[in-house]
Amino acid sequence: MQKFFISSFAMLINIGVVVGAIFVVIGAISAFAQTGNLFAPIAMLGVGFVGIVGGAGTLYVLLGIYDSTRATYELLAEQARQK
């Protein structure tokens, strides 16, 4: 059951990254249409993608910490049973 929730959360992160990237690209196109110069869309793409990668990376690190903690607990519990 835990694997289901963890894999579902990872899938939600992936969906969030794709949707966020689509929104950033649409926003950059809109900024180009309104301003006519390339600085605003390029800045928006850069900042938007850095934000998406930073947010998704943080969530993946938290998933990794959870999985590592669970694996350590199982290992220590197995060692305690052997003694």
PDB file of N, CA and C in Angstrom:
ATOM      1  N   MET A   1       0.825  -1.196   0.000  1.00  0.00           N
ATOM      2  CA  MET A   1       0.000   0.000   0.000  1.00  0.00           C
ATOM      3  C   MET A   1       0.868   1.258   0.000  1.00  0.00           C
ATOM      4  N   GLN A   2       1.993   1.208   0.748  1.00  0.00           N
ATOM      5  CA  GLN A   2       2.876   2.362   0.779  1.00  0.00           C
ATOM      6  C   GLN A   2       3.507   2.604  -0.588  1.00  0.00           C
ATOM      7  N   LYS A   3       3.871   1.524  -1.272  1.00  0.00           N
ATOM      8  CA  LYS A   3       4.455   1.662  -2.604  1.00  0.00           C
ATOM      9  C   LYS A   3       3.477   2.353  -3.556  1.00  0.00           C
ATOM     10  N   PHE A   4       2.191   2.046  -3.404  1.00  0.00           N
ATOM     11  CA  PHE A   4       1.173   2.663  -4.248  1.00  0.00           C
ATOM     12  C   PHE A   4       1.159   4.176  -4.042  1.00  0.00           C
ATOM     13  N   PHE A   5       1.179   4.632  -2.789  1.00  0.00           N
ATOM     14  CA  PHE A   5       1.127   6.061  -2.518  1.00  0.00           C
ATOM     15  C   PHE A   5       2.405   6.759  -2.972  1.00  0.00           C
ATOM     16  N   ILE A   6       3.543   6.124  -2.759  1.00  0.00           N
ATOM     17  CA  ILE A   6       4.809   6.728  -3.179  1.00  0.00           C
ATOM     18  C   ILE A   6       4.874   6.827  -4.698  1.00  0.00           C
ATOM     19  N   SER A   7       4.508   5.757  -5.397  1.00  0.00           N
ATOM     20  CA  SER A   7       4.544   5.811  -6.862  1.00  0.00           C
ATOM     21  C   SER A   7       3.492   6.778  -7.401  1.00  0.00           C
ATOM     22  N   SER A   8       2.347   6.877  -6.726  1.00  0.00           N
ATOM     23  CA  SER A   8       1.324   7.841  -7.146  1.00  0.00           C
ATOM     24  C   SER A   8       1.821   9.274  -6.955  1.00  0.00           C
ATOM     25  N   PHE A   9       2.512   9.515  -5.848  1.00  0.00           N
ATOM     26  CA  PHE A   9       3.055  10.847  -5.601  1.00  0.00           C
ATOM     27  C   PHE A   9       4.125  11.192  -6.634  1.00  0.00           C
ATOM     28  N   ALA A  10       4.954  10.228  -6.989  1.00  0.00           N
ATOM     29  CA  ALA A  10       5.957  10.460  -8.031  1.00  0.00           C
ATOM     30  C   ALA A  10       5.287  10.759  -9.367  1.00  0.00           C
ATOM     31  N   MET A  11       4.197  10.066  -9.663  1.00  0.00           N
ATOM     32  CA  MET A  11       3.465  10.328 -10.900  1.00  0.00           C
ATOM     33  C   MET A  11       2.852  11.732 -10.877  1.00  0.00           C
ATOM     34  N   LEU A  12       2.340  12.163  -9.729  1.00  0.00           N
ATOM     35  CA  LEU A  12       1.794  13.517  -9.618  1.00  0.00           C
ATOM     36  C   LEU A  12       2.882  14.569  -9.817  1.00  0.00           C
ATOM     37  N   ILE A  13       4.075  14.298  -9.333  1.00  0.00           N
ATOM     38  CA  ILE A  13       5.188  15.223  -9.547  1.00  0.00           C
ATOM     39  C   ILE A  13       5.481  15.330 -11.040  1.00  0.00           C
ATOM     40  N   ASN A  14       5.509  14.178 -11.723  1.00  0.00           N
ATOM     41  CA  ASN A  14       5.777  14.185 -13.169  1.00  0.00           C
ATOM     42  C   ASN A  14       4.705  14.967 -13.924  1.00  0.00           C
ATOM     43  N   ILE A  15       3.459  14.762 -13.554  1.00  0.00           N
ATOM     44  CA  ILE A  15       2.366  15.491 -14.209  1.00  0.00           C
ATOM     45  C   ILE A  15       2.488  16.988 -13.923  1.00  0.00           C
ATOM     46  N   GLY A  16       2.832  17.331 -12.693  1.00  0.00           N
ATOM     47  CA  GLY A  16       3.017  18.739 -12.340  1.00  0.00           C
ATOM     48  C   GLY A  16       4.140  19.396 -13.121  1.00  0.00           C
ATOM     49  N   VAL A  17       5.205  18.655 -13.368  1.00  0.00           N
ATOM     50  CA  VAL A  17       6.315  19.205 -14.157  1.00  0.00           C
ATOM     51  C   VAL A  17       5.870  19.464 -15.592  1.00  0.00           C
ATOM     52  N   VAL A  18       5.161  18.529 -16.180  1.00  0.00           N
ATOM     53  CA  VAL A  18       4.704  18.702 -17.566  1.00  0.00           C
ATOM     54  C   VAL A  18       3.724  19.867 -17.673  1.00  0.00           C
ATOM     55  N   VAL A  19       2.752  19.920 -16.771  1.00  0.00           N
ATOM     56  CA  VAL A  19       1.767  21.008 -16.800  1.00  0.00           C
ATOM     57  C   VAL A  19       2.452  22.351 -16.539  1.00  0.00           C
ATOM     58  N   GLY A  20       3.376  22.381 -15.588  1.00  0.00           N
ATOM     59  CA  GLY A  20       4.106  23.618 -15.316  1.00  0.00           C
ATOM     60  C   GLY A  20       4.924  24.083 -16.502  1.00  0.00           C
ATOM     61  N   ALA A  21       5.561  23.139 -17.196  1.00  0.00           N
ATOM     62  CA  ALA A  21       6.344  23.506 -18.376  1.00  0.00           C
ATOM     63  C   ALA A  21       5.449  24.059 -19.476  1.00  0.00           C
ATOM     64  N   ILE A  22       4.278  23.466 -19.641  1.00  0.00           N
ATOM     65  CA  ILE A  22       3.336  23.979 -20.644  1.00  0.00           C
ATOM     66  C   ILE A  22       2.902  25.398 -20.291  1.00  0.00           C
ATOM     67  N   PHE A  23       2.609  25.641 -19.013  1.00  0.00           N
ATOM     68  CA  PHE A  23       2.211  26.988 -18.590  1.00  0.00           C
ATOM     69  C   PHE A  23       3.335  28.000 -18.789  1.00  0.00           C
ATOM     70  N   VAL A  24       4.568  27.597 -18.513  1.00  0.00           N
ATOM     71  CA  VAL A  24       5.695  28.515 -18.693  1.00  0.00           C
ATOM     72  C   VAL A  24       5.859  28.870 -20.166  1.00  0.00           C
ATOM     73  N   VAL A  25       5.751  27.890 -21.039  1.00  0.00           N
ATOM     74  CA  VAL A  25       5.892  28.155 -22.476  1.00  0.00           C
ATOM     75  C   VAL A  25       4.749  29.046 -22.974  1.00  0.00           C
ATOM     76  N   ILE A  26       3.530  28.772 -22.540  1.00  0.00           N
ATOM     77  CA  ILE A  26       2.392  29.615 -22.935  1.00  0.00           C
ATOM     78  C   ILE A  26       2.582  31.039 -22.418  1.00  0.00           C
ATOM     79  N   GLY A  27       3.059  31.173 -21.197  1.00  0.00           N
ATOM     80  CA  GLY A  27       3.318  32.503 -20.649  1.00  0.00           C
ATOM     81  C   GLY A  27       4.403  33.244 -21.411  1.00  0.00           C
ATOM     82  N   ALA A  28       5.446  32.520 -21.827  1.00  0.00           N
ATOM     83  CA  ALA A  28       6.515  33.169 -22.591  1.00  0.00           C
ATOM     84  C   ALA A  28       6.005  33.611 -23.961  1.00  0.00           C
ATOM     85  N   ILE A  29       5.190  32.790 -24.595  1.00  0.00           N
ATOM     86  CA  ILE A  29       4.610  33.185 -25.888  1.00  0.00           C
ATOM     87  C   ILE A  29       3.723  34.408 -25.714  1.00  0.00           C
ATOM     88  N   SER A  30       2.945  34.420 -24.639  1.00  0.00           N
ATOM     89  CA  SER A  30       2.079  35.565 -24.367  1.00  0.00           C
ATOM     90  C   SER A  30       2.902  36.826 -24.092  1.00  0.00           C
ATOM     91  N   ALA A  31       3.995  36.679 -23.360  1.00  0.00           N
ATOM     92  CA  ALA A  31       4.845  37.837 -23.075  1.00  0.00           C
ATOM     93  C   ALA A  31       5.473  38.373 -24.354  1.00  0.00           C
ATOM     94  N   PHE A  32       5.861  37.484 -25.262  1.00  0.00           N
ATOM     95  CA  PHE A  32       6.418  37.942 -26.540  1.00  0.00           C
ATOM     96  C   PHE A  32       5.353  38.663 -27.365  1.00  0.00           C
ATOM     97  N   ALA A  33       4.133  38.145 -27.341  1.00  0.00           N
ATOM     98  CA  ALA A  33       3.056  38.772 -28.110  1.00  0.00           C
ATOM     99  C   ALA A  33       2.729  40.159 -27.568  1.00  0.00           C
ATOM    100  N   GLN A  34       2.843  40.352 -26.268  1.00  0.00           N
ATOM    101  CA  GLN A  34       2.495  41.648 -25.681  1.00  0.00           C
ATOM    102  C   GLN A  34       3.614  42.671 -25.809  1.00  0.00           C
ATOM    103  N   THR A  35       4.854  42.213 -25.624  1.00  0.00           N
ATOM    104  CA  THR A  35       5.961  43.171 -25.607  1.00  0.00           C
ATOM    105  C   THR A  35       6.654  43.307 -26.955  1.00  0.00           C
ATOM    106  N   GLY A  36       6.776  42.226 -27.691  1.00  0.00           N
ATOM    107  CA  GLY A  36       7.437  42.281 -28.984  1.00  0.00           C
ATOM    108  C   GLY A  36       8.944  42.106 -28.925  1.00  0.00           C
ATOM    109  N   ASN A  37       9.535  42.180 -27.733  1.00  0.00           N
ATOM    110  CA  ASN A  37      10.971  41.938 -27.643  1.00  0.00           C
ATOM    111  C   ASN A  37      11.218  40.543 -27.057  1.00  0.00           C
ATOM    112  N   LEU A  38      12.456  40.088 -27.102  1.00  0.00           N
ATOM    113  CA  LEU A  38      12.758  38.725 -26.671  1.00  0.00           C
ATOM    114  C   LEU A  38      13.224  38.629 -25.223  1.00  0.00           C
ATOM    115  N   PHE A  39      13.500  39.756 -24.564  1.00  0.00           N
ATOM    116  CA  PHE A  39      14.037  39.667 -23.209  1.00  0.00           C
ATOM    117  C   PHE A  39      13.028  39.069 -22.231  1.00  0.00           C
ATOM    118  N   ALA A  40      11.800  39.553 -22.251  1.00  0.00           N
ATOM    119  CA  ALA A  40      10.795  39.067 -21.301  1.00  0.00           C
ATOM    120  C   ALA A  40      10.501  37.568 -21.468  1.00  0.00           C
ATOM    121  N   PRO A  41      10.296  37.066 -22.679  1.00  0.00           N
ATOM    122  CA  PRO A  41      10.034  35.626 -22.803  1.00  0.00           C
ATOM    123  C   PRO A  41      11.218  34.758 -22.410  1.00  0.00           C
ATOM    124  N   ILE A  42      12.432  35.190 -22.765  1.00  0.00           N
ATOM    125  CA  ILE A  42      13.608  34.398 -22.395  1.00  0.00           C
ATOM    126  C   ILE A  42      13.786  34.384 -20.887  1.00  0.00           C
ATOM    127  N   ALA A  43      13.589  35.533 -20.255  1.00  0.00           N
ATOM    128  CA  ALA A  43      13.683  35.594 -18.795  1.00  0.00           C
ATOM    129  C   ALA A  43      12.595  34.744 -18.152  1.00  0.00           C
ATOM    130  N   MET A  44      11.400  34.799 -18.709  1.00  0.00           N
ATOM    131  CA  MET A  44      10.301  34.005 -18.163  1.00  0.00           C
ATOM    132  C   MET A  44      10.574  32.508 -18.312  1.00  0.00           C
ATOM    133  N   LEU A  45      11.110  32.100 -19.457  1.00  0.00           N
ATOM    134  CA  LEU A  45      11.459  30.688 -19.645  1.00  0.00           C
ATOM    135  C   LEU A  45      12.536  30.245 -18.658  1.00  0.00           C
ATOM    136  N   GLY A  46      13.557  31.067 -18.502  1.00  0.00           N
ATOM    137  CA  GLY A  46      14.640  30.711 -17.589  1.00  0.00           C
ATOM    138  C   GLY A  46      14.178  30.594 -16.147  1.00  0.00           C
ATOM    139  N   VAL A  47      13.495  31.607 -15.672  1.00  0.00           N
ATOM    140  CA  VAL A  47      13.025  31.611 -14.280  1.00  0.00           C
ATOM    141  C   VAL A  47      11.975  30.522 -14.057  1.00  0.00           C
ATOM    142  N   GLY A  48      11.087  30.348 -15.021  1.00  0.00           N
ATOM    143  CA  GLY A  48      10.037  29.340 -14.879  1.00  0.00           C
ATOM    144  C   GLY A  48      10.593  27.936 -14.821  1.00  0.00           C
ATOM    145  N   PHE A  49      11.522  27.625 -15.714  1.00  0.00           N
ATOM    146  CA  PHE A  49      12.080  26.270 -15.715  1.00  0.00           C
ATOM    147  C   PHE A  49      12.973  26.018 -14.511  1.00  0.00           C
ATOM    148  N   VAL A  50      13.681  27.034 -14.041  1.00  0.00           N
ATOM    149  CA  VAL A  50      14.468  26.867 -12.818  1.00  0.00           C
ATOM    150  C   VAL A  50      13.542  26.596 -11.635  1.00  0.00           C
ATOM    151  N   GLY A  51      12.428  27.295 -11.589  1.00  0.00           N
ATOM    152  CA  GLY A  51      11.458  27.065 -10.514  1.00  0.00           C
ATOM    153  C   GLY A  51      10.848  25.679 -10.570  1.00  0.00           C
ATOM    154  N   ILE A  52      10.520  25.228 -11.767  1.00  0.00           N
ATOM    155  CA  ILE A  52       9.934  23.893 -11.914  1.00  0.00           C
ATOM    156  C   ILE A  52      10.942  22.819 -11.512  1.00  0.00           C
ATOM    157  N   VAL A  53      12.170  22.934 -12.007  1.00  0.00           N
ATOM    158  CA  VAL A  53      13.199  21.942 -11.680  1.00  0.00           C
ATOM    159  C   VAL A  53      13.510  21.970 -10.186  1.00  0.00           C
ATOM    160  N   GLY A  54      13.572  23.154  -9.605  1.00  0.00           N
ATOM    161  CA  GLY A  54      13.844  23.254  -8.165  1.00  0.00           C
ATOM    162  C   GLY A  54      12.741  22.643  -7.322  1.00  0.00           C
ATOM    163  N   GLY A  55      11.502  22.923  -7.677  1.00  0.00           N
ATOM    164  CA  GLY A  55      10.376  22.369  -6.919  1.00  0.00           C
ATOM    165  C   GLY A  55      10.274  20.868  -7.052  1.00  0.00           C
ATOM    166  N   ALA A  56      10.372  20.362  -8.287  1.00  0.00           N
ATOM    167  CA  ALA A  56      10.288  18.916  -8.507  1.00  0.00           C
ATOM    168  C   ALA A  56      11.483  18.204  -7.888  1.00  0.00           C
ATOM    169  N   GLY A  57      12.649  18.816  -7.996  1.00  0.00           N
ATOM    170  CA  GLY A  57      13.844  18.215  -7.389  1.00  0.00           C
ATOM    171  C   GLY A  57      13.723  18.103  -5.879  1.00  0.00           C
ATOM    172  N   THR A  58      13.174  19.120  -5.252  1.00  0.00           N
ATOM    173  CA  THR A  58      12.963  19.075  -3.810  1.00  0.00           C
ATOM    174  C   THR A  58      12.011  17.951  -3.425  1.00  0.00           C
ATOM    175  N   LEU A  59      10.939  17.808  -4.181  1.00  0.00           N
ATOM    176  CA  LEU A  59       9.983  16.741  -3.876  1.00  0.00           C
ATOM    177  C   LEU A  59      10.594  15.360  -4.091  1.00  0.00           C
ATOM    178  N   TYR A  60      11.407  15.200  -5.142  1.00  0.00           N
ATOM    179  CA  TYR A  60      12.067  13.918  -5.366  1.00  0.00           C
ATOM    180  C   TYR A  60      13.093  13.612  -4.277  1.00  0.00           C
ATOM    181  N   VAL A  61      13.788  14.640  -3.778  1.00  0.00           N
ATOM    182  CA  VAL A  61      14.719  14.431  -2.669  1.00  0.00           C
ATOM    183  C   VAL A  61      13.962  13.976  -1.426  1.00  0.00           C
ATOM    184  N   LEU A  62      12.813  14.583  -1.160  1.00  0.00           N
ATOM    185  CA  LEU A  62      12.010  14.168  -0.006  1.00  0.00           C
ATOM    186  C   LEU A  62      11.526  12.729  -0.156  1.00  0.00           C
ATOM    187  N   LEU A  63      11.153  12.338  -1.371  1.00  0.00           N
ATOM    188  CA  LEU A  63      10.772  10.936  -1.602  1.00  0.00           C
ATOM    189  C   LEU A  63      11.952  10.012  -1.358  1.00  0.00           C
ATOM    190  N   GLY A  64      13.136  10.410  -1.784  1.00  0.00           N
ATOM    191  CA  GLY A  64      14.333   9.606  -1.566  1.00  0.00           C
ATOM    192  C   GLY A  64      14.676   9.474  -0.100  1.00  0.00           C
ATOM    193  N   ILE A  65      14.522  10.552   0.652  1.00  0.00           N
ATOM    194  CA  ILE A  65      14.786  10.496   2.096  1.00  0.00           C
ATOM    195  C   ILE A  65      13.807   9.537   2.759  1.00  0.00           C
ATOM    196  N   TYR A  66      12.548   9.615   2.359  1.00  0.00           N
ATOM    197  CA  TYR A  66      11.541   8.705   2.936  1.00  0.00           C
ATOM    198  C   TYR A  66      11.890   7.256   2.623  1.00  0.00           C
ATOM    199  N   ASP A  67      12.236   6.976   1.376  1.00  0.00           N
ATOM    200  CA  ASP A  67      12.537   5.600   0.975  1.00  0.00           C
ATOM    201  C   ASP A  67      13.790   5.098   1.680  1.00  0.00           C
ATOM    202  N   SER A  68      14.793   5.937   1.816  1.00  0.00           N
ATOM    203  CA  SER A  68      16.026   5.547   2.502  1.00  0.00           C
ATOM    204  C   SER A  68      15.768   5.283   3.984  1.00  0.00           C
ATOM    205  N   THR A  69      14.956   6.116   4.610  1.00  0.00           N
ATOM    206  CA  THR A  69      14.628   5.924   6.021  1.00  0.00           C
ATOM    207  C   THR A  69      13.856   4.630   6.226  1.00  0.00           C
ATOM    208  N   ARG A  70      12.929   4.335   5.323  1.00  0.00           N
ATOM    209  CA  ARG A  70      12.163   3.095   5.417  1.00  0.00           C
ATOM    210  C   ARG A  70      13.072   1.882   5.251  1.00  0.00           C
ATOM    211  N   ALA A  71      13.983   1.940   4.299  1.00  0.00           N
ATOM    212  CA  ALA A  71      14.901   0.818   4.078  1.00  0.00           C
ATOM    213  C   ALA A  71      15.826   0.619   5.281  1.00  0.00           C
ATOM    214  N   THR A  72      16.290   1.708   5.878  1.00  0.00           N
ATOM    215  CA  THR A  72      17.139   1.600   7.071  1.00  0.00           C
ATOM    216  C   THR A  72      16.367   1.001   8.228  1.00  0.00           C
ATOM    217  N   TYR A  73      15.121   1.413   8.394  1.00  0.00           N
ATOM    218  CA  TYR A  73      14.294   0.850   9.460  1.00  0.00           C
ATOM    219  C   TYR A  73      14.123  -0.655   9.275  1.00  0.00           C
ATOM    220  N   GLU A  74      13.832  -1.078   8.059  1.00  0.00           N
ATOM    221  CA  GLU A  74      13.644  -2.510   7.808  1.00  0.00           C
ATOM    222  C   GLU A  74      14.928  -3.290   8.066  1.00  0.00           C
ATOM    223  N   LEU A  75      16.068  -2.725   7.689  1.00  0.00           N
ATOM    224  CA  LEU A  75      17.353  -3.392   7.926  1.00  0.00           C
ATOM    225  C   LEU A  75      17.632  -3.509   9.416  1.00  0.00           C
ATOM    226  N   LEU A  76      17.412  -2.434  10.165  1.00  0.00           N
ATOM    227  CA  LEU A  76      17.660  -2.480  11.603  1.00  0.00           C
ATOM    228  C   LEU A  76      16.686  -3.413  12.319  1.00  0.00           C
ATOM    229  N   ALA A  77      15.458  -3.444  11.873  1.00  0.00           N
ATOM    230  CA  ALA A  77      14.471  -4.349  12.466  1.00  0.00           C
ATOM    231  C   ALA A  77      14.866  -5.809  12.208  1.00  0.00           C
ATOM    232  N   GLU A  78      15.360  -6.095  11.025  1.00  0.00           N
ATOM    233  CA  GLU A  78      15.811  -7.455  10.706  1.00  0.00           C
ATOM    234  C   GLU A  78      17.026  -7.838  11.547  1.00  0.00           C
ATOM    235  N   GLN A  79      17.953  -6.903  11.743  1.00  0.00           N
ATOM    236  CA  GLN A  79      19.118  -7.188  12.582  1.00  0.00           C
ATOM    237  C   GLN A  79      18.714  -7.389  14.031  1.00  0.00           C
ATOM    238  N   ALA A  80      17.732  -6.643  14.508  1.00  0.00           N
ATOM    239  CA  ALA A  80      17.274  -6.797  15.891  1.00  0.00           C
ATOM    240  C   ALA A  80      16.591  -8.142  16.082  1.00  0.00           C
ATOM    241  N   ARG A  81      15.896  -8.634  15.082  1.00  0.00           N
ATOM    242  CA  ARG A  81      15.245  -9.949  15.179  1.00  0.00           C
ATOM    243  C   ARG A  81      16.273 -11.077  15.209  1.00  0.00           C
ATOM    244  N   GLN A  82      17.397 -10.894  14.565  1.00  0.00           N
ATOM    245  CA  GLN A  82      18.420 -11.927  14.512  1.00  0.00           C
ATOM    246  C   GLN A  82      19.162 -12.075  15.825  1.00  0.00           C
ATOM    247  N   LYS A  83      19.211 -11.058  16.629  1.00  0.00           N
ATOM    248  CA  LYS A  83      19.968 -11.104  17.902  1.00  0.00           C
ATOM    249  C   LYS A  83      19.213 -11.808  18.961  1.00  0.00           C
TER     250      LYS A  83
END
